Amino acid sequence: MCREKTDSKGNVLFRGERERNDGRYEYRYTDHRGVQHSVYENRLQQLRMEEAKIAYRGHNRQQRHRVGRVIKQQGVPECQMYAN
């Protein structure tokens, strides 16, 4: 059975997320053209807000629903979820 990937604070990391050695978080994804991108943030919540923006701009409904649900559980106002 697979175990969940967690960071040093015990937070569960989703697909594409990782904690770097310097303590920052990284999200890697591939866009619709097949080009790989990375996003870096100091806090996991900020990283997930960036994920939500990427999912909203793209057309990946499944990822948009999952990230939006997690951010709402963390108490982030919806107006900040997709702000530029």
Protein backbone atom coordinates (compact mmCIF):
# COMPACT_ATOMS: atom_id res chain seq x y z
CA MET A 1 0.00 0.00 0.00
CA CYS A 2 1.29 3.46 -0.87
CA ARG A 3 1.91 5.90 1.91
CA GLU A 4 1.09 9.56 1.56
CA LYS A 5 3.87 11.98 0.79
CA THR A 6 4.30 14.48 3.64
CA ASP A 7 6.52 17.47 4.38
CA SER A 8 8.65 18.01 7.49
CA LYS A 9 5.62 19.47 9.36
CA GLY A 10 3.40 16.48 8.62
CA ASN A 11 1.25 18.14 5.93
CA VAL A 12 0.12 15.82 3.13
CA LEU A 13 1.58 16.84 -0.23
CA PHE A 14 -0.41 16.38 -3.42
CA ARG A 15 0.76 15.20 -6.82
CA GLY A 16 3.43 17.55 -8.18
CA GLU A 17 4.19 19.14 -4.81
CA ARG A 18 7.42 18.69 -2.88
CA GLU A 19 9.35 20.31 -0.09
CA ARG A 20 12.84 21.40 -1.10
CA ASN A 21 15.94 21.08 1.10
CA ASP A 22 15.88 24.84 1.79
CA GLY A 23 12.34 24.57 3.24
CA ARG A 24 10.52 26.10 0.27
CA TYR A 25 7.75 24.29 -1.58
CA GLU A 26 7.78 23.48 -5.27
CA TYR A 27 4.94 22.55 -7.62
CA ARG A 28 5.83 21.02 -10.99
CA TYR A 29 3.35 20.68 -13.79
CA THR A 30 3.19 20.19 -17.54
CA ASP A 31 1.07 22.58 -19.59
CA HIS A 32 -1.12 21.63 -22.56
CA ARG A 33 1.85 22.05 -24.95
CA GLY A 34 3.96 19.54 -23.01
CA VAL A 35 6.28 22.16 -21.49
CA GLN A 36 7.27 21.58 -17.86
CA HIS A 37 7.01 24.46 -15.37
CA SER A 38 7.87 24.92 -11.69
CA VAL A 39 6.35 27.28 -9.12
CA TYR A 40 8.10 28.03 -5.82
CA GLU A 41 6.59 29.44 -2.61
CA ASN A 42 7.69 29.72 1.02
CA ARG A 43 4.40 28.46 2.47
CA LEU A 44 2.29 25.48 1.41
CA GLN A 45 -0.94 27.49 1.46
CA GLN A 46 0.56 30.06 -0.93
CA LEU A 47 1.71 27.26 -3.22
CA ARG A 48 -1.79 25.79 -3.32
CA MET A 49 -3.23 29.19 -4.20
CA GLU A 50 -0.82 29.31 -7.14
CA GLU A 51 -1.92 25.77 -8.10
CA ALA A 52 -5.52 26.95 -8.09
CA LYS A 53 -4.66 29.84 -10.41
CA ILE A 54 -2.86 27.47 -12.79
CA ALA A 55 -5.76 25.00 -12.75
CA TYR A 56 -8.25 27.81 -13.34
CA ARG A 57 -6.29 29.20 -16.29
CA GLY A 58 -5.89 25.72 -17.75
CA HIS A 59 -8.74 23.45 -18.64
CA ASN A 60 -8.08 20.67 -16.16
CA ARG A 61 -11.45 20.35 -14.38
CA GLN A 62 -10.45 17.51 -12.08
CA GLN A 63 -7.42 19.40 -10.75
CA ARG A 64 -9.42 22.64 -10.44
CA HIS A 65 -12.06 20.91 -8.31
CA ARG A 66 -9.52 19.18 -6.04
CA VAL A 67 -7.40 22.27 -5.41
CA GLY A 68 -10.42 24.52 -4.92
CA ARG A 69 -11.89 22.14 -2.36
CA VAL A 70 -8.64 21.99 -0.37
CA ILE A 71 -8.21 25.76 -0.36
CA LYS A 72 -11.79 26.27 0.82
CA GLN A 73 -11.12 23.85 3.68
CA GLN A 74 -8.14 25.97 4.69
CA GLY A 75 -10.36 29.04 4.96
CA VAL A 76 -9.01 31.06 2.04
CA PRO A 77 -11.62 33.50 0.65
CA GLU A 78 -12.70 32.59 -2.86
CA CYS A 79 -11.80 36.06 -4.15
CA GLN A 80 -8.13 35.32 -3.31
CA MET A 81 -8.14 31.86 -4.87
CA TYR A 82 -8.08 33.04 -8.48
CA ALA A 83 -6.70 36.57 -8.09
CA ASN A 84 -3.88 37.52 -10.43
